[in-house]
Amino acid sequence: MKYFVMLCDGMADEPVEALGNKTPMEKAVKPCMDNLASIGEVGMVKTVAEGLKPGSDVANLSVLGYEPAIYYSGRSPLEAASIGIDLKDTDVTLRCNLVTLSDEENYEDKTMVDYCGGDISTQEAAILIDYIQEKLGDDTFKFYSGVSYRHCLVWSNGNPHPGELTPPHDISNRVITDYIPKGEDTAKLYELMKKSYDLLKDHPVNKQRVAEGKRPANSIWLWGEGTKPQLDSFFGKFGKKGSMISAVDLLKGIAICAGMKSVDVEGATGYIDTNFDGKCKAAIDEFKNGADFVYVHVEAPDECGHRGEIENKVRAIELIDEHILAPVTEFLKGYDDFAVLVCPDHPTPLSIKTHSSNPVPYLIYDSKNEIDSNVKCFCEKEAKQTGNYIEKGFTMMDYFLSK
């Protein structure tokens, strides 16, 4: 039996006036998703439990069958595992975004122009993070470069609950005054952020980016604190040999911590220009090489939601359907038994440009148990109308693997 999960990050949304009051899922031309929905089970699932922040960390752990209340120790530690950082039990890690801030004189008066530093390349970012480490790193704070704008700070003997740290993608185009770090032990973190601006604003990499008409990655932004994660192995938990295919360190880190195989795909970017065909090929290759379970994560719908890119979000869903879901499903028809799960991890509504905790639609197709679901379009509205509801998202994986 083969199991395939197509995780479309942030795909769920709300009706958009520019789309004729349809959601991106309703508007997208996605024949494979719609067909699987018509002959499979469709419903809604609550992936983010009450009281938890609706991040991709919590939501993907839930989809993978790990109850966040038990297993979640913070976002950054999972990303640190992907980067290859050997964490001590006394270390605290933080996500270190490279962002673009406006140029007001006082740091707190600046605006969050771009939470991803103008889509800075991994190569450029590594130069900037290495420079920050040279100037600000010491025995207490060490900076590690990751992918694109996503990096890591390790705080030796740090406070795992230093105070209130706001994700930068939650405050796009807002003055940062009300969102700077708050709490008893955040002053030193805020000082690092302020110093980073003075160091990066005139760095040669940023001068070159500005000359090329690009946004400068002129500050770090710290958030997503946590401690060393302890995940049970996926195989030990479910008895399935699993592989993860994703462009982002968070998902790679989850895979590594869960003892799954993390597969790198050349040209996978986490945005709409990602290598969809490469992810498809990697998934098929993993099944050919003996994987029982393959989880393909595509970040593009989420990134488009954060940026308010309506047409790109629709297009991202269409590209997933055409270039990954359809060919992988067709390949799986060569096996006697297979099942497919398609869902977002959380909504990323275009109207608010950040995550929400609302339930998301799911579809489960079982090749040995095709049904007439009466669903014509895999979308939020029709999923709600089925009446199927999984209240505890982390139970869905057991249910799916029982097929």
Protein backbone atom coordinates (compact mmCIF):
# COMPACT_ATOMS: atom_id res chain seq x y z
CA MET A 1 0.00 0.00 0.00
CA LYS A 2 1.32 3.42 -0.99
CA TYR A 3 0.29 6.67 0.69
CA PHE A 4 0.74 10.10 -0.87
CA VAL A 5 0.17 13.44 0.90
CA MET A 6 -0.06 16.61 -1.19
CA LEU A 7 0.29 19.44 1.33
CA CYS A 8 -0.61 22.79 -0.24
CA ASP A 9 0.65 25.30 2.31
CA GLY A 10 -1.81 28.11 3.04
CA MET A 11 -4.11 27.13 0.16
CA ALA A 12 -7.37 27.69 2.05
CA ASP A 13 -8.82 31.19 1.92
CA GLU A 14 -11.98 33.29 2.01
CA PRO A 15 -14.09 34.62 -0.90
CA VAL A 16 -12.23 37.33 -2.83
CA GLU A 17 -14.13 40.10 -4.60
CA ALA A 18 -11.59 40.21 -7.43
CA LEU A 19 -12.31 36.51 -8.06
CA GLY A 20 -16.06 37.01 -8.30
CA ASN A 21 -16.43 36.28 -4.58
CA LYS A 22 -14.84 32.89 -5.03
CA THR A 23 -11.88 31.57 -3.10
CA PRO A 24 -8.64 30.72 -4.92
CA MET A 25 -9.54 27.01 -4.51
CA GLU A 26 -12.92 27.62 -6.16
CA LYS A 27 -11.42 29.71 -8.96
CA ALA A 28 -8.47 27.44 -9.79
CA VAL A 29 -8.70 25.00 -12.69
CA LYS A 30 -7.61 21.81 -10.93
CA PRO A 31 -9.16 18.77 -12.61
CA CYS A 32 -7.19 16.17 -10.66
CA MET A 33 -8.13 17.54 -7.22
CA ASP A 34 -11.75 17.93 -8.25
CA ASN A 35 -11.91 14.41 -9.67
CA LEU A 36 -10.36 12.83 -6.57
CA ALA A 37 -12.78 14.83 -4.43
CA SER A 38 -15.74 13.55 -6.45
CA ILE A 39 -14.81 9.91 -5.75
CA GLY A 40 -13.25 10.29 -2.31
CA GLU A 41 -14.04 11.58 1.14
CA VAL A 42 -14.14 15.35 1.53
CA GLY A 43 -14.55 17.35 4.71
CA MET A 44 -13.02 19.90 7.06
CA VAL A 45 -10.23 19.37 9.57
CA LYS A 46 -9.07 21.54 12.47
CA THR A 47 -5.28 21.44 12.14
CA VAL A 48 -4.59 24.23 14.66
CA ALA A 49 -5.98 23.54 18.12
CA GLU A 50 -7.45 26.33 20.20
CA GLY A 51 -4.79 28.29 22.06
CA LEU A 52 -2.01 27.57 19.54
CA LYS A 53 -0.66 30.01 16.99
CA PRO A 54 -1.57 29.09 13.40
CA GLY A 55 1.93 28.49 12.09
CA SER A 56 3.09 25.96 9.52
CA ASP A 57 5.06 24.31 12.32
CA VAL A 58 2.03 23.45 14.47
CA ALA A 59 -0.20 22.73 11.47
CA ASN A 60 2.18 20.39 9.65
CA LEU A 61 2.99 18.49 12.83
CA SER A 62 -0.74 18.02 13.25
CA VAL A 63 -1.25 16.79 9.67
CA LEU A 64 1.66 14.36 10.14
CA GLY A 65 -0.02 12.90 13.20
CA TYR A 66 2.00 14.54 15.97
CA GLU A 67 -0.15 16.22 18.61
CA PRO A 68 1.40 19.72 18.95
CA ALA A 69 0.46 19.96 22.63
CA ILE A 70 2.83 17.04 23.24
CA TYR A 71 5.50 17.39 20.57
CA TYR A 72 5.81 21.08 19.71
CA SER A 73 8.83 22.86 21.23
CA GLY A 74 9.05 25.84 18.87
CA ARG A 75 9.51 26.52 15.18
CA SER A 76 13.16 27.48 15.01
CA PRO A 77 14.52 24.25 16.55
CA LEU A 78 12.95 22.27 13.70
CA GLU A 79 14.63 24.56 11.18
CA ALA A 80 17.91 24.23 13.09
CA ALA A 81 17.73 20.47 12.65
CA SER A 82 17.45 20.95 8.89
CA ILE A 83 20.46 23.28 8.81
CA GLY A 84 22.42 20.63 10.71
CA ILE A 85 22.92 22.47 13.99
CA ASP A 86 23.72 20.17 16.90
CA LEU A 87 21.61 21.69 19.65
CA LYS A 88 22.25 21.33 23.37
CA ASP A 89 19.35 20.90 25.77
CA THR A 90 20.17 24.35 27.17
CA ASP A 91 20.12 26.10 23.78
CA VAL A 92 17.28 28.31 22.63
CA THR A 93 16.94 28.89 18.91
CA LEU A 94 15.16 31.68 17.07
CA ARG A 95 14.16 32.14 13.45
CA CYS A 96 16.28 34.94 12.02
CA ASN A 97 14.57 36.49 8.98
CA LEU A 98 16.41 38.85 6.69
CA VAL A 99 13.83 41.60 6.12
CA THR A 100 13.51 44.94 4.38
CA LEU A 101 12.72 47.87 6.67
CA SER A 102 12.07 51.45 5.60
CA ASP A 103 14.72 54.09 6.25
CA GLU A 104 13.34 56.25 9.08
CA GLU A 105 16.06 57.37 11.48
CA ASN A 106 14.69 55.63 14.57
CA TYR A 107 14.47 51.85 14.31
CA GLU A 108 11.08 51.64 16.00
CA ASP A 109 9.60 54.08 13.47
CA LYS A 110 10.45 51.90 10.48
CA THR A 111 7.91 49.95 8.42
CA MET A 112 8.08 46.24 7.58
CA VAL A 113 8.40 46.66 3.82
CA ASP A 114 9.18 43.02 3.07
CA TYR A 115 9.37 40.07 5.47
CA CYS A 116 11.53 38.10 3.01
CA GLY A 117 14.17 40.70 2.18
CA GLY A 118 13.23 41.11 -1.46
CA ASP A 119 13.41 37.36 -2.13
CA ILE A 120 17.10 37.45 -1.41
CA SER A 121 19.06 34.52 -2.82
CA THR A 122 20.60 31.91 -0.54
CA GLN A 123 24.06 32.87 -1.77
CA GLU A 124 23.62 36.58 -1.01
CA ALA A 125 21.99 35.82 2.32
CA ALA A 126 24.86 33.60 3.42
CA ILE A 127 27.27 36.50 2.95
CA LEU A 128 25.08 38.78 5.08
CA ILE A 129 24.53 36.23 7.85
CA ASP A 130 28.23 35.40 7.96
CA TYR A 131 28.91 39.13 8.33
CA ILE A 132 26.36 39.41 11.14
CA GLN A 133 27.99 36.44 12.87
CA GLU A 134 31.42 38.09 12.52
CA LYS A 135 30.19 41.37 14.02
CA LEU A 136 27.52 40.29 16.51
CA GLY A 137 28.18 36.61 17.19
CA ASP A 138 29.87 35.51 20.42
CA ASP A 139 29.76 32.69 22.97
CA THR A 140 26.14 33.55 23.74
CA PHE A 141 24.72 34.23 20.28
CA LYS A 142 25.64 32.33 17.11
CA PHE A 143 24.08 32.95 13.69
CA TYR A 144 23.67 30.21 11.09
CA SER A 145 22.65 30.71 7.46
CA GLY A 146 19.75 28.75 6.00
CA VAL A 147 17.77 29.15 2.77
CA SER A 148 16.84 32.47 1.14
CA TYR A 149 15.58 34.80 3.90
CA ARG A 150 15.19 32.06 6.56
CA HIS A 151 18.08 31.73 9.03
CA CYS A 152 18.76 30.72 12.62
CA LEU A 153 20.11 32.25 15.82
CA VAL A 154 21.24 29.94 18.64
CA TRP A 155 21.14 31.51 22.08
CA SER A 156 23.33 29.56 24.51
CA ASN A 157 21.64 29.10 27.91
CA GLY A 158 18.88 31.37 26.67
CA ASN A 159 15.40 31.96 27.97
CA PRO A 160 12.96 29.64 26.14
CA HIS A 161 10.16 32.12 26.92
CA PRO A 162 11.85 35.51 26.56
CA GLY A 163 8.71 37.51 25.81
CA GLU A 164 6.53 38.48 22.87
CA LEU A 165 8.20 38.05 19.47
CA THR A 166 6.06 38.79 16.41
CA PRO A 167 6.44 36.96 13.06
CA PRO A 168 7.41 39.52 10.42
CA HIS A 169 4.93 38.13 7.88
CA ASP A 170 2.16 39.18 10.29
CA ILE A 171 3.06 42.87 10.01
CA SER A 172 3.68 43.50 6.32
CA ASN A 173 3.48 47.22 5.48
CA ARG A 174 2.98 48.14 9.14
CA VAL A 175 5.11 50.43 11.30
CA ILE A 176 6.98 48.12 13.66
CA THR A 177 6.53 50.30 16.79
CA ASP A 178 3.85 48.05 18.30
CA TYR A 179 5.58 44.82 17.28
CA ILE A 180 9.14 45.15 18.54
CA PRO A 181 10.16 42.45 21.06
CA LYS A 182 8.42 42.83 24.41
CA GLY A 183 9.15 41.06 27.68
CA GLU A 184 11.64 40.72 30.49
CA ASP A 185 14.37 39.06 28.45
CA THR A 186 13.96 40.48 24.95
CA ALA A 187 16.09 43.64 25.30
CA LYS A 188 19.26 41.88 24.14
CA LEU A 189 17.41 40.38 21.17
CA TYR A 190 16.05 43.76 20.17
CA GLU A 191 19.54 45.22 20.46
CA LEU A 192 20.81 42.63 17.98
CA MET A 193 18.06 43.60 15.56
CA LYS A 194 18.88 47.31 15.80
CA LYS A 195 22.60 46.75 15.41
CA SER A 196 21.99 44.54 12.38
CA TYR A 197 20.34 47.42 10.52
CA ASP A 198 23.37 49.65 10.99
CA LEU A 199 25.61 46.83 9.75
CA LEU A 200 23.53 45.75 6.76
CA LYS A 201 22.08 48.95 5.30
CA ASP A 202 25.31 49.86 3.49
CA HIS A 203 26.74 46.36 3.01
CA PRO A 204 28.06 45.81 -0.55
CA VAL A 205 25.52 43.03 -1.16
CA ASN A 206 22.68 45.43 -0.42
CA LYS A 207 24.24 48.28 -2.36
CA GLN A 208 24.39 45.96 -5.37
CA ARG A 209 20.79 44.85 -4.85
CA VAL A 210 19.57 48.46 -4.73
CA ALA A 211 21.58 49.26 -7.88
CA GLU A 212 19.79 46.36 -9.58
CA GLY A 213 16.39 47.66 -8.50
CA LYS A 214 15.93 45.05 -5.77
CA ARG A 215 15.00 45.52 -2.15
CA PRO A 216 17.86 45.43 0.35
CA ALA A 217 17.86 42.82 3.11
CA ASN A 218 18.77 45.50 5.66
CA SER A 219 17.84 43.99 9.02
CA ILE A 220 17.42 40.73 10.87
CA TRP A 221 14.10 39.98 12.61
CA LEU A 222 13.99 37.44 15.45
CA TRP A 223 10.99 35.24 16.30
CA GLY A 224 9.84 31.60 16.53
CA GLU A 225 11.83 30.73 19.65
CA GLY A 226 12.08 27.15 20.94
CA THR A 227 14.16 24.35 22.39
CA LYS A 228 15.54 21.06 21.10
CA PRO A 229 12.66 18.99 19.64
CA GLN A 230 11.87 15.40 20.62
CA LEU A 231 9.72 13.70 17.97
CA ASP A 232 8.94 9.99 17.94
CA SER A 233 10.07 8.33 14.72
CA PHE A 234 7.44 8.28 11.99
CA PHE A 235 8.20 4.62 11.27
CA GLY A 236 7.98 3.69 14.92
CA LYS A 237 4.70 5.58 15.28
CA PHE A 238 2.97 4.42 12.10
CA GLY A 239 5.02 1.54 10.70
CA LYS A 240 5.55 3.30 7.37
CA LYS A 241 8.81 4.19 5.65
CA GLY A 242 8.36 7.89 4.97
CA SER A 243 9.92 10.58 2.78
CA MET A 244 9.50 14.36 2.90
CA ILE A 245 9.91 16.64 -0.12
CA SER A 246 9.96 20.37 0.66
CA ALA A 247 11.90 23.52 -0.13
CA VAL A 248 11.76 24.94 3.38
CA ASP A 249 13.92 24.17 6.39
CA LEU A 250 10.94 23.81 8.72
CA LEU A 251 9.56 20.77 6.92
CA LYS A 252 13.00 19.32 6.33
CA GLY A 253 13.65 19.67 10.05
CA ILE A 254 10.40 17.94 10.96
CA ALA A 255 11.39 15.07 8.67
CA ILE A 256 14.86 14.77 10.16
CA CYS A 257 13.53 14.85 13.74
CA ALA A 258 10.93 12.21 12.84
CA GLY A 259 13.47 9.94 11.19
CA MET A 260 11.98 10.40 7.72
CA LYS A 261 14.07 10.83 4.61
CA SER A 262 14.34 14.49 3.61
CA VAL A 263 14.74 14.86 -0.15
CA ASP A 264 16.35 17.93 -1.71
CA VAL A 265 15.09 19.08 -5.11
CA GLU A 266 17.23 21.36 -7.22
CA GLY A 267 15.38 24.55 -8.04
CA ALA A 268 12.87 24.20 -5.19
CA THR A 269 12.40 27.76 -3.93
CA GLY A 270 9.32 27.85 -1.69
CA TYR A 271 7.62 30.26 -4.11
CA ILE A 272 5.62 30.06 -7.34
CA ASP A 273 8.83 29.72 -9.36
CA THR A 274 9.67 26.46 -7.59
CA ASN A 275 10.55 23.30 -9.49
CA PHE A 276 7.14 21.62 -9.53
CA ASP A 277 8.25 18.97 -12.02
CA GLY A 278 11.32 18.20 -9.92
CA LYS A 279 9.16 17.65 -6.85
CA CYS A 280 6.93 15.32 -8.85
CA LYS A 281 9.89 13.29 -10.07
CA ALA A 282 11.34 13.12 -6.57
CA ALA A 283 8.04 11.79 -5.20
CA ILE A 284 7.81 9.10 -7.86
CA ASP A 285 11.45 8.15 -7.31
CA GLU A 286 10.85 7.77 -3.57
CA PHE A 287 7.98 5.38 -4.20
CA LYS A 288 10.11 3.44 -6.68
CA ASN A 289 12.88 3.21 -4.10
CA GLY A 290 10.63 1.63 -1.50
CA ALA A 291 8.95 4.46 0.39
CA ASP A 292 5.51 3.58 1.72
CA PHE A 293 4.60 7.20 2.43
CA VAL A 294 5.60 10.38 0.59
CA TYR A 295 4.71 13.88 1.82
CA VAL A 296 5.16 16.65 -0.76
CA HIS A 297 4.96 20.13 0.72
CA VAL A 298 4.58 23.16 -1.57
CA GLU A 299 4.96 26.58 0.02
CA ALA A 300 3.83 28.65 -2.98
CA PRO A 301 0.14 29.26 -2.10
CA ASP A 302 1.17 30.44 1.38
CA GLU A 303 3.79 32.86 0.06
CA CYS A 304 1.29 34.27 -2.45
CA GLY A 305 -1.21 34.72 0.39
CA HIS A 306 1.32 36.61 2.49
CA ARG A 307 2.09 38.90 -0.43
CA GLY A 308 -1.54 39.46 -1.38
CA GLU A 309 -0.92 38.06 -4.87
CA ILE A 310 -4.39 36.95 -5.91
CA GLU A 311 -3.72 35.62 -9.40
CA ASN A 312 -0.48 33.95 -8.35
CA LYS A 313 -2.24 32.09 -5.55
CA VAL A 314 -4.78 30.71 -8.00
CA ARG A 315 -2.00 29.81 -10.41
CA ALA A 316 0.04 28.10 -7.68
CA ILE A 317 -2.89 25.76 -6.97
CA GLU A 318 -3.23 25.00 -10.68
CA LEU A 319 0.49 24.25 -11.01
CA ILE A 320 0.38 21.86 -8.04
CA ASP A 321 -2.55 20.03 -9.58
CA GLU A 322 -1.08 19.78 -13.08
CA HIS A 323 2.58 19.19 -12.34
CA ILE A 324 2.57 17.18 -9.10
CA LEU A 325 -0.76 15.72 -8.02
CA ALA A 326 -1.96 14.49 -11.43
CA PRO A 327 1.25 12.74 -12.56
CA VAL A 328 1.97 11.22 -9.14
CA THR A 329 -1.60 9.91 -8.90
CA GLU A 330 -1.31 8.46 -12.39
CA PHE A 331 1.95 6.74 -11.41
CA LEU A 332 0.34 5.27 -8.28
CA LYS A 333 -2.30 3.57 -10.41
CA GLY A 334 0.43 1.04 -11.18
CA TYR A 335 0.08 -0.30 -7.62
CA ASP A 336 -2.77 -2.49 -6.38
CA ASP A 337 -3.58 -0.21 -3.46
CA PHE A 338 -2.88 3.44 -2.84
CA ALA A 339 -4.39 6.39 -1.00
CA VAL A 340 -4.03 10.14 -1.51
CA LEU A 341 -4.55 12.94 1.02
CA VAL A 342 -4.75 16.54 -0.22
CA CYS A 343 -5.09 19.45 2.18
CA PRO A 344 -3.64 22.79 3.25
CA ASP A 345 -1.96 23.07 6.63
CA HIS A 346 -3.82 26.29 7.52
CA PRO A 347 -5.57 29.13 5.68
CA THR A 348 -3.54 32.15 4.54
CA PRO A 349 -6.33 34.56 3.56
CA LEU A 350 -5.38 37.18 0.98
CA SER A 351 -7.44 39.73 2.90
CA ILE A 352 -5.19 39.62 5.98
CA LYS A 353 -1.94 38.36 4.38
CA THR A 354 -1.22 36.03 7.29
CA HIS A 355 -2.37 32.72 8.76
CA SER A 356 -5.67 31.98 10.46
CA SER A 357 -6.70 29.12 12.75
CA ASN A 358 -9.85 28.21 10.83
CA PRO A 359 -10.44 24.59 9.76
CA VAL A 360 -9.26 23.62 6.28
CA PRO A 361 -10.72 21.33 3.60
CA TYR A 362 -9.30 17.85 3.11
CA LEU A 363 -9.83 15.08 0.62
CA ILE A 364 -8.90 11.43 1.07
CA TYR A 365 -8.99 9.14 -1.94
CA ASP A 366 -8.80 5.37 -1.43
CA SER A 367 -8.17 3.44 -4.66
CA LYS A 368 -10.06 0.40 -3.30
CA ASN A 369 -13.04 2.36 -2.04
CA GLU A 370 -14.22 4.90 -4.57
CA ILE A 371 -17.45 6.62 -3.56
CA ASP A 372 -19.80 9.26 -4.92
CA SER A 373 -19.15 12.23 -2.66
CA ASN A 374 -21.44 14.64 -4.55
CA VAL A 375 -18.53 17.10 -4.48
CA LYS A 376 -17.89 18.83 -7.79
CA CYS A 377 -15.18 21.27 -6.70
CA PHE A 378 -12.61 20.69 -3.97
CA CYS A 379 -13.00 23.93 -2.05
CA GLU A 380 -13.93 25.35 1.32
CA LYS A 381 -17.66 25.72 0.64
CA GLU A 382 -18.28 22.22 -0.70
CA ALA A 383 -16.06 20.64 1.95
CA LYS A 384 -18.18 22.28 4.68
CA GLN A 385 -21.38 21.12 3.01
CA THR A 386 -20.40 17.45 3.34
CA GLY A 387 -20.73 17.66 7.11
CA ASN A 388 -17.55 15.62 7.59
CA TYR A 389 -15.40 17.18 10.30
CA ILE A 390 -12.20 16.04 12.00
CA GLU A 391 -11.98 18.05 15.21
CA LYS A 392 -8.48 16.97 16.22
CA GLY A 393 -6.18 17.38 13.24
CA PHE A 394 -3.47 15.08 14.59
CA THR A 395 -5.92 12.13 14.42
CA MET A 396 -6.29 12.46 10.64
CA MET A 397 -3.02 10.68 9.86
CA ASP A 398 -4.08 7.52 11.72
CA TYR A 399 -7.38 7.67 9.86
CA PHE A 400 -5.66 8.16 6.50
CA LEU A 401 -3.18 5.34 7.07
CA SER A 402 -6.02 2.99 7.99
CA LYS A 403 -7.16 3.07 4.37
